[in-house]
Amino acid sequence: MYKRKAIFLLLISFLLTGCWDKVEIEDRAHINAVGIDKYSSSAEDDKVADIDEQTKEAKEAKDTERNKYTFTFSFPDETKKEGADITIATVGDALYSVSRIMADRTNKEIFLGHLRTVIIDVDVAKDSKSFREILDGIENNELLSRRVVLAMTDDSAGDIIKVKPTMQPRVGQFIAELFRRRDRTPRAPSGSVGDILKDLHETGNALIPRITAGKTDVKVAGAGIISDYQFKGWLGEIETALLMLLKGETRILGGMRVDYKGYSIPIDMRPKKPKMSLIDDESNMKILIEIEAEADVKQTYFESKEDMLKAEVIKEVEELANREIKKRTEETIHKIQKEFGVDVIGVDRFLRQRHYSLWKSLEKDWRDIFPNIDIEVKMDVKIRRIGLIR
C-alpha cells in the first residue's frame, strides 16, 4: 500500500514539475521592438547613443571597438495603464551581448521572447560584414520567432522605434499589425525573418521591406534589394507591388488606374498564381510570365456617356488595363535587371526546380546571365464587377 502511494506521489511530482527561470514577470523588460543603427561618434549620434540614461560609464565606453552599433529597445511601461512604451538605447557589438549588459543600465532583465519587430538602418546593410553579424545574431537567438518582422530604413532606426503611434501606442505591435494586413495594400514584401533568411541561404538575394517614420505613425512601402548580403538599392512602392504580382505573393493589387477617353478609372485586381515558363530560343534565353486576374472597376465618371454595361466598353477597358500593367511590370523588370542585376524575381528558383540540368550549366555565371535574359509578361485581366449602376 505504502509502495503504491510512494509511486503515485513520485509520478505526480514529475507531472506537476514546471520550468521556471526564477525571474518574476514584473522584473523583465519584454522587448517588442529593436532598432539597430550604425554607430557614429558625431556629437548628434552621441546624444542618441546615451538616450534616457546618460551615464559616465556609457560615455567612456563609446570609443572602444566593441561599440559598432546603436541598439534602441522599446518595451511596455507596466506602471501605466495606457500601454505606453519605454525607450532606451545603448551601444554594443551584438544583440545578444547588449541584451545582457543592459542590466547595468536598467533594473529589469531584457527578454527578447516577445520581440515583434527589428528595424535595421540602411548603413548597416551597406556593410556586408556588419549585416551578416546582425543576421547571425537574429538567426541563432533561440528566443526569436521566425515570424518576427525585419524591415529596413534610410532614416534612423532608433527614431522609428521612438515613434508613438496614435492608434496603437506600442510601436512594435503596430508595425507587426501593418504587415499582417499587407494584403489590403501589398506595396511591401512580407518582412518575415524566416522568409528573408531562407532566401539569403538559398540565393544570397532577398527583399526587405522599407519603413519610414512620421511624427505619429510609420509607413511601410517599397523594398530594399539585398545581394551578397549587401544593400544594392531601393524599389519604389508601385514597383514593389508589381514585383509581388510577378512573384505571386499578393492576393489583391489595388490602386491601379487606367486612362479611358480622358478620365481615370481605378481598378482592383485579384491575380491568380502566375505561370512562369522557359521559351526555347537559340540566340538568347527567354522567360515568359503569364498572369491572369479578375478586376473590379471602382468608379468611372459621373453622368458619363460611356456605358460600363456595354460589352465593348468593358472590352476596351480590359485591353487598356492589360497594356498598362504589362508596360509597368516590364519597366520594373528592366530596372531590376539593368540597374541592380539581382534576380529577386525568382527565375533562378524556377530553373532549379523545373530545368535542373540547364540550371547546373548556368549556375556559376547566373549573375552575369540574368541581366541579359529576355523576360516577357503576358497579362489577361478580366473585369468582373463594375460597381452600382443607377
Protein backbone atom coordinates (compact mmCIF):
# COMPACT_ATOMS: atom_id res chain seq x y z
CA MET A 1 0.00 0.00 0.00
CA TYR A 2 2.75 2.38 1.00
CA LYS A 3 4.71 1.48 -2.14
CA ARG A 4 1.72 2.38 -4.32
CA LYS A 5 1.35 5.73 -2.59
CA ALA A 6 5.05 6.43 -2.98
CA ILE A 7 4.95 5.59 -6.70
CA PHE A 8 1.82 7.71 -7.13
CA LEU A 9 3.41 10.71 -5.39
CA LEU A 10 6.58 10.28 -7.44
CA LEU A 11 4.59 10.30 -10.70
CA ILE A 12 2.64 13.36 -9.56
CA SER A 13 5.89 15.20 -8.85
CA PHE A 14 7.07 14.53 -12.42
CA LEU A 15 3.77 15.61 -13.97
CA LEU A 16 3.49 18.82 -11.97
CA THR A 17 7.09 19.90 -12.36
CA GLY A 18 7.31 23.20 -14.24
CA CYS A 19 10.14 25.11 -15.87
CA TRP A 20 10.92 28.35 -14.10
CA ASP A 21 13.96 30.54 -14.57
CA LYS A 22 13.37 32.28 -11.24
CA VAL A 23 12.68 35.68 -12.82
CA GLU A 24 9.42 37.37 -11.90
CA ILE A 25 7.44 38.75 -14.84
CA GLU A 26 7.46 42.29 -13.43
CA ASP A 27 11.28 42.14 -13.28
CA ARG A 28 11.54 41.61 -17.04
CA ALA A 29 11.55 44.13 -19.86
CA HIS A 30 9.54 42.37 -22.58
CA ILE A 31 11.10 43.93 -25.68
CA ASN A 32 8.61 44.41 -28.55
CA ALA A 33 10.83 46.35 -30.97
CA VAL A 34 14.56 46.84 -31.62
CA GLY A 35 16.21 49.44 -33.83
CA ILE A 36 19.80 48.87 -34.99
CA ASP A 37 21.86 51.79 -36.32
CA LYS A 38 25.48 52.02 -37.38
CA TYR A 39 27.32 53.69 -34.51
CA SER A 40 28.68 57.16 -35.20
CA SER A 41 30.90 59.21 -32.91
CA SER A 42 29.44 62.55 -34.03
CA ALA A 43 28.01 64.80 -31.33
CA GLU A 44 24.47 64.25 -32.54
CA ASP A 45 24.80 60.48 -32.56
CA ASP A 46 26.44 60.53 -29.13
CA LYS A 47 23.23 62.09 -27.88
CA VAL A 48 21.22 59.26 -29.45
CA ALA A 49 23.53 56.59 -28.02
CA ASP A 50 23.07 57.91 -24.50
CA ILE A 51 19.31 58.48 -24.68
CA ASP A 52 17.38 58.38 -21.40
CA GLU A 53 20.36 57.28 -19.29
CA GLN A 54 23.49 59.32 -19.83
CA THR A 55 25.97 57.67 -17.52
CA LYS A 56 29.67 58.22 -17.17
CA GLU A 57 30.32 54.55 -17.99
CA ALA A 58 28.42 54.77 -21.29
CA LYS A 59 30.32 57.88 -22.36
CA GLU A 60 33.67 56.34 -21.54
CA ALA A 61 32.80 53.16 -23.45
CA LYS A 62 31.66 54.78 -26.68
CA ASP A 63 35.09 54.95 -28.30
CA THR A 64 36.00 51.29 -27.83
CA GLU A 65 35.99 48.79 -30.69
CA ARG A 66 33.01 46.99 -29.19
CA ASN A 67 30.67 49.86 -29.98
CA LYS A 68 29.78 49.08 -33.58
CA TYR A 69 26.03 49.66 -33.37
CA THR A 70 23.45 51.68 -31.51
CA PHE A 71 20.64 49.44 -30.25
CA THR A 72 17.32 51.08 -29.35
CA PHE A 73 14.88 48.95 -27.34
CA SER A 74 11.19 49.51 -26.75
CA PHE A 75 9.19 47.71 -24.05
CA PRO A 76 5.89 48.28 -22.21
CA ASP A 77 5.75 50.55 -19.20
CA GLU A 78 3.90 48.33 -16.74
CA THR A 79 3.30 51.25 -14.37
CA LYS A 80 0.97 52.96 -16.85
CA LYS A 81 -2.44 51.64 -17.82
CA GLU A 82 -2.40 53.39 -21.20
CA GLY A 83 0.10 50.88 -22.56
CA ALA A 84 2.87 53.40 -23.26
CA ASP A 85 6.35 52.16 -24.10
CA ILE A 86 9.70 52.91 -22.51
CA THR A 87 12.55 53.51 -24.95
CA ILE A 88 16.20 53.04 -24.03
CA ALA A 89 19.34 52.86 -26.15
CA THR A 90 22.92 51.72 -25.80
CA VAL A 91 25.93 50.91 -27.94
CA GLY A 92 27.49 47.50 -28.47
CA ASP A 93 28.70 44.91 -30.95
CA ALA A 94 25.94 42.26 -30.85
CA LEU A 95 22.27 41.94 -29.95
CA TYR A 96 22.91 39.10 -27.50
CA SER A 97 25.71 40.80 -25.57
CA VAL A 98 23.87 44.12 -25.43
CA SER A 99 20.76 42.43 -24.05
CA ARG A 100 22.93 41.06 -21.24
CA ILE A 101 24.89 44.21 -20.35
CA MET A 102 21.70 46.31 -20.28
CA ALA A 103 21.36 45.06 -16.70
CA ASP A 104 23.92 47.76 -15.83
CA ARG A 105 21.54 50.46 -17.06
CA THR A 106 18.08 49.26 -16.13
CA ASN A 107 16.51 47.48 -13.17
CA LYS A 108 14.86 44.93 -15.47
CA GLU A 109 16.17 41.90 -17.32
CA ILE A 110 15.98 42.27 -21.12
CA PHE A 111 13.77 39.50 -22.56
CA LEU A 112 13.54 39.03 -26.36
CA GLY A 113 10.95 36.24 -26.40
CA HIS A 114 8.12 38.70 -27.21
CA LEU A 115 10.02 40.65 -29.88
CA ARG A 116 7.76 41.63 -32.78
CA THR A 117 9.87 43.98 -34.95
CA VAL A 118 13.52 44.57 -35.86
CA ILE A 119 14.40 47.74 -37.79
CA ILE A 120 17.84 47.99 -39.44
CA ASP A 121 19.46 51.20 -40.59
CA VAL A 122 20.44 51.01 -44.28
CA ASP A 123 24.05 51.90 -43.37
CA VAL A 124 24.27 48.58 -41.51
CA ALA A 125 23.02 46.73 -44.61
CA LYS A 126 25.52 48.53 -46.87
CA ASP A 127 28.36 46.84 -44.97
CA SER A 128 28.27 43.13 -45.78
CA LYS A 129 30.27 42.15 -42.68
CA SER A 130 28.06 44.17 -40.32
CA PHE A 131 24.86 42.93 -41.95
CA ARG A 132 25.92 39.29 -41.64
CA GLU A 133 26.79 39.81 -37.97
CA ILE A 134 23.32 41.17 -37.28
CA LEU A 135 21.59 38.43 -39.30
CA ASP A 136 23.52 35.71 -37.50
CA GLY A 137 22.59 37.21 -34.14
CA ILE A 138 18.93 37.11 -35.15
CA GLU A 139 19.03 33.60 -36.60
CA ASN A 140 20.89 31.99 -33.70
CA ASN A 141 18.84 33.55 -30.91
CA GLU A 142 16.64 30.73 -29.63
CA LEU A 143 14.08 33.19 -28.25
CA LEU A 144 13.31 34.89 -31.56
CA SER A 145 10.39 33.64 -33.64
CA ARG A 146 10.79 33.26 -37.41
CA ARG A 147 7.67 35.42 -37.70
CA VAL A 148 9.46 38.49 -36.33
CA VAL A 149 9.22 41.37 -38.83
CA LEU A 150 12.53 42.60 -40.25
CA ALA A 151 12.43 45.99 -42.00
CA MET A 152 14.98 48.49 -43.25
CA THR A 153 15.07 52.29 -43.25
CA ASP A 154 17.18 55.13 -44.58
CA ASP A 155 16.07 57.16 -41.56
CA SER A 156 17.43 56.41 -38.10
CA ALA A 157 16.13 53.05 -36.88
CA GLY A 158 16.13 54.50 -33.37
CA ASP A 159 13.85 57.35 -34.48
CA ILE A 160 11.32 54.84 -35.80
CA ILE A 161 11.37 52.89 -32.54
CA LYS A 162 10.68 56.16 -30.68
CA VAL A 163 7.55 56.96 -32.72
CA LYS A 164 4.38 56.86 -30.62
CA PRO A 165 1.56 55.80 -33.00
CA THR A 166 -1.78 57.43 -32.25
CA MET A 167 -3.81 54.28 -32.91
CA GLN A 168 -1.52 51.82 -31.11
CA PRO A 169 0.93 53.15 -28.51
CA ARG A 170 3.22 50.12 -28.78
CA VAL A 171 5.27 50.64 -31.91
CA GLY A 172 6.48 47.04 -32.25
CA GLN A 173 2.94 45.69 -32.21
CA PHE A 174 1.75 48.49 -34.52
CA ILE A 175 4.37 47.65 -37.18
CA ALA A 176 3.69 43.91 -36.91
CA GLU A 177 -0.03 44.56 -37.44
CA LEU A 178 0.72 46.65 -40.53
CA PHE A 179 2.46 43.66 -42.07
CA ARG A 180 -0.31 41.29 -41.03
CA ARG A 181 -2.76 43.39 -43.05
CA ARG A 182 -0.48 43.89 -46.04
CA ASP A 183 -2.91 42.12 -48.41
CA ARG A 184 -5.02 45.28 -48.38
CA THR A 185 -2.25 47.34 -49.97
CA PRO A 186 0.56 44.94 -50.88
CA ARG A 187 3.29 47.51 -51.56
CA ALA A 188 5.95 45.78 -49.47
CA PRO A 189 7.24 42.20 -49.14
CA SER A 190 6.24 40.06 -46.18
CA GLY A 191 9.15 41.06 -43.95
CA SER A 192 9.13 37.72 -42.11
CA VAL A 193 12.59 36.92 -40.73
CA GLY A 194 12.05 33.27 -41.68
CA ASP A 195 11.36 34.12 -45.34
CA ILE A 196 14.27 36.56 -45.59
CA LEU A 197 16.76 34.13 -44.04
CA LYS A 198 15.53 31.33 -46.32
CA ASP A 199 16.03 33.48 -49.44
CA LEU A 200 19.51 34.52 -48.31
CA HIS A 201 20.53 30.92 -47.61
CA GLU A 202 19.25 29.72 -51.00
CA THR A 203 20.38 32.51 -53.32
CA GLY A 204 22.16 35.23 -51.33
CA ASN A 205 19.44 37.64 -52.53
CA ALA A 206 16.44 38.97 -50.64
CA LEU A 207 13.83 41.71 -50.47
CA ILE A 208 13.49 43.58 -47.18
CA PRO A 209 10.53 45.95 -46.70
CA ARG A 210 11.19 49.66 -46.37
CA ILE A 211 9.85 51.62 -43.42
CA THR A 212 9.84 55.39 -42.88
CA ALA A 213 8.91 57.45 -39.85
CA GLY A 214 6.28 60.15 -39.47
CA LYS A 215 5.50 62.20 -36.38
CA THR A 216 2.79 59.91 -35.06
CA ASP A 217 2.93 56.94 -37.41
CA VAL A 218 5.16 54.91 -39.69
CA LYS A 219 4.77 53.96 -43.34
CA VAL A 220 5.62 50.55 -44.78
CA ALA A 221 6.05 50.75 -48.56
CA GLY A 222 8.78 49.81 -51.01
CA ALA A 223 11.64 47.37 -50.58
CA GLY A 224 15.40 47.22 -50.31
CA ILE A 225 17.26 44.78 -52.56
CA ILE A 226 19.94 42.67 -50.89
CA SER A 227 22.57 40.77 -52.87
CA ASP A 228 25.63 39.02 -51.44
CA TYR A 229 24.43 40.14 -48.00
CA GLN A 230 24.71 43.77 -49.01
CA PHE A 231 22.21 46.54 -49.77
CA LYS A 232 22.03 47.38 -53.50
CA GLY A 233 19.19 49.90 -53.75
CA TRP A 234 15.51 50.71 -53.25
CA LEU A 235 12.42 49.76 -55.22
CA GLY A 236 9.53 52.23 -55.08
CA GLU A 237 6.20 51.19 -53.62
CA ILE A 238 4.46 50.70 -57.01
CA GLU A 239 7.49 48.79 -58.34
CA THR A 240 7.41 46.59 -55.25
CA ALA A 241 3.69 45.91 -55.69
CA LEU A 242 4.29 44.88 -59.31
CA LEU A 243 7.19 42.66 -58.28
CA MET A 244 4.92 40.96 -55.72
CA LEU A 245 2.47 40.41 -58.59
CA LEU A 246 5.19 38.78 -60.70
CA LYS A 247 6.25 36.54 -57.81
CA GLY A 248 2.69 35.51 -56.96
CA GLU A 249 2.94 36.93 -53.44
CA THR A 250 -0.17 39.08 -53.46
CA ARG A 251 -3.87 38.24 -53.42
CA ILE A 252 -5.07 41.73 -54.30
CA LEU A 253 -3.50 44.61 -56.18
CA GLY A 254 -5.26 47.90 -55.61
CA GLY A 255 -4.59 51.44 -56.69
CA MET A 256 -4.05 50.67 -60.39
CA ARG A 257 -5.52 53.19 -62.82
CA VAL A 258 -6.49 53.10 -66.48
CA ASP A 259 -6.88 56.24 -68.61
CA TYR A 260 -10.02 55.80 -70.70
CA LYS A 261 -11.23 58.56 -73.02
CA GLY A 262 -9.96 61.42 -70.91
CA TYR A 263 -10.75 60.20 -67.42
CA SER A 264 -9.10 57.86 -64.95
CA ILE A 265 -10.64 54.53 -63.93
CA PRO A 266 -9.31 52.94 -60.70
CA ILE A 267 -9.38 49.15 -60.64
CA ASP A 268 -8.66 46.47 -58.04
CA MET A 269 -7.11 43.23 -59.26
CA ARG A 270 -7.27 39.74 -57.76
CA PRO A 271 -4.50 37.86 -59.55
CA LYS A 272 -4.08 34.11 -59.80
CA LYS A 273 -0.73 32.45 -59.28
CA PRO A 274 1.48 33.48 -62.23
CA LYS A 275 2.82 30.83 -64.59
CA MET A 276 6.50 31.01 -65.49
CA SER A 277 7.82 29.09 -68.49
CA LEU A 278 11.03 28.77 -70.46
CA ILE A 279 10.80 29.61 -74.16
CA ASP A 280 13.37 27.88 -76.38
CA ASP A 281 15.44 30.47 -78.17
CA GLU A 282 18.80 29.61 -79.68
CA SER A 283 20.05 33.20 -79.59
CA ASN A 284 19.01 34.10 -76.04
CA MET A 285 17.18 32.66 -73.05
CA LYS A 286 13.58 33.84 -72.82
CA ILE A 287 11.26 33.60 -69.82
CA LEU A 288 7.51 34.08 -70.17
CA ILE A 289 5.43 35.08 -67.14
CA GLU A 290 1.66 34.71 -67.67
CA ILE A 291 -0.68 36.42 -65.21
CA GLU A 292 -4.44 36.01 -65.12
CA ALA A 293 -6.50 38.30 -62.93
CA GLU A 294 -10.05 39.37 -62.20
CA ALA A 295 -10.65 43.08 -61.74
CA ASP A 296 -13.28 45.38 -60.27
CA VAL A 297 -13.97 48.86 -61.63
CA LYS A 298 -14.27 51.14 -58.59
CA GLN A 299 -15.52 54.29 -60.33
CA THR A 300 -15.78 55.89 -63.75
CA TYR A 301 -17.22 59.37 -64.29
CA PHE A 302 -20.49 60.86 -63.03
CA GLU A 303 -23.09 61.06 -65.84
CA SER A 304 -20.56 59.57 -68.22
CA LYS A 305 -21.65 58.93 -71.80
CA GLU A 306 -19.75 55.65 -71.75
CA ASP A 307 -21.97 52.82 -70.52
CA MET A 308 -19.99 50.30 -68.48
CA LEU A 309 -22.79 47.79 -69.03
CA LYS A 310 -21.83 47.54 -72.69
CA ALA A 311 -19.58 44.61 -73.53
CA GLU A 312 -17.49 46.65 -75.97
CA VAL A 313 -16.72 49.30 -73.33
CA ILE A 314 -15.66 46.66 -70.82
CA LYS A 315 -13.50 45.04 -73.51
CA GLU A 316 -11.75 48.34 -74.23
CA VAL A 317 -11.03 48.92 -70.53
CA GLU A 318 -9.68 45.37 -70.21
CA GLU A 319 -7.31 45.91 -73.14
CA LEU A 320 -6.11 49.20 -71.67
CA ALA A 321 -5.55 47.52 -68.28
CA ASN A 322 -3.59 44.69 -69.90
CA ARG A 323 -1.35 47.11 -71.81
CA GLU A 324 -0.78 49.43 -68.83
CA ILE A 325 0.08 46.68 -66.33
CA LYS A 326 2.26 44.82 -68.85
CA LYS A 327 4.15 48.05 -69.57
CA ARG A 328 4.69 48.82 -65.89
CA THR A 329 5.75 45.31 -64.92
CA GLU A 330 8.25 45.13 -67.79
CA GLU A 331 9.67 48.53 -66.74
CA THR A 332 10.11 47.14 -63.23
CA ILE A 333 11.82 44.03 -64.61
CA HIS A 334 14.13 46.21 -66.71
CA LYS A 335 15.13 48.24 -63.64
CA ILE A 336 15.83 45.09 -61.63
CA GLN A 337 17.92 43.60 -64.42
CA LYS A 338 19.86 46.63 -65.61
CA GLU A 339 20.16 48.81 -62.50
CA PHE A 340 20.59 46.14 -59.83
CA GLY A 341 21.42 42.96 -61.75
CA VAL A 342 19.91 40.90 -58.93
CA ASP A 343 17.43 38.08 -59.51
CA VAL A 344 14.74 38.83 -56.95
CA ILE A 345 12.05 37.76 -59.45
CA GLY A 346 12.65 34.06 -58.85
CA VAL A 347 13.87 32.93 -62.28
CA ASP A 348 16.77 31.09 -60.65
CA ARG A 349 14.40 29.18 -58.36
CA PHE A 350 12.16 28.30 -61.34
CA LEU A 351 15.10 26.94 -63.35
CA ARG A 352 16.42 25.00 -60.36
CA GLN A 353 13.05 23.34 -59.80
CA ARG A 354 11.85 22.79 -63.39
CA HIS A 355 15.01 22.71 -65.56
CA TYR A 356 17.69 21.41 -63.24
CA SER A 357 20.21 20.25 -65.86
CA LEU A 358 20.05 23.64 -67.59
CA TRP A 359 20.35 25.41 -64.24
CA LYS A 360 23.52 23.49 -63.32
CA SER A 361 25.14 24.71 -66.54
CA LEU A 362 24.17 28.33 -65.80
CA GLU A 363 24.51 28.47 -62.01
CA LYS A 364 28.14 29.66 -61.80
CA ASP A 365 27.59 32.53 -64.24
CA TRP A 366 23.99 33.37 -63.32
CA ARG A 367 24.83 36.85 -62.01
CA ASP A 368 26.22 37.73 -65.44
CA ILE A 369 23.47 35.93 -67.37
CA PHE A 370 20.41 37.24 -65.53
CA PRO A 371 20.70 40.93 -66.58
CA ASN A 372 20.66 39.90 -70.25
CA ILE A 373 17.85 37.34 -70.46
CA ASP A 374 14.58 38.28 -72.12
CA ILE A 375 11.63 38.32 -69.70
CA GLU A 376 8.19 38.84 -71.25
CA VAL A 377 4.97 39.44 -69.32
CA LYS A 378 1.59 38.38 -70.67
CA MET A 379 -1.43 39.86 -68.88
CA ASP A 380 -5.00 38.61 -69.06
CA VAL A 381 -7.24 40.89 -66.97
CA LYS A 382 -10.99 40.21 -66.96
CA ILE A 383 -13.37 42.77 -65.45
CA ARG A 384 -15.99 41.03 -63.31
CA ARG A 385 -17.65 43.87 -61.38
CA ILE A 386 -18.37 47.46 -62.30
CA GLY A 387 -19.98 48.78 -59.10
CA LEU A 388 -23.54 50.04 -58.61
CA ILE A 389 -25.37 51.31 -61.67
CA ARG A 390 -28.28 53.74 -61.49
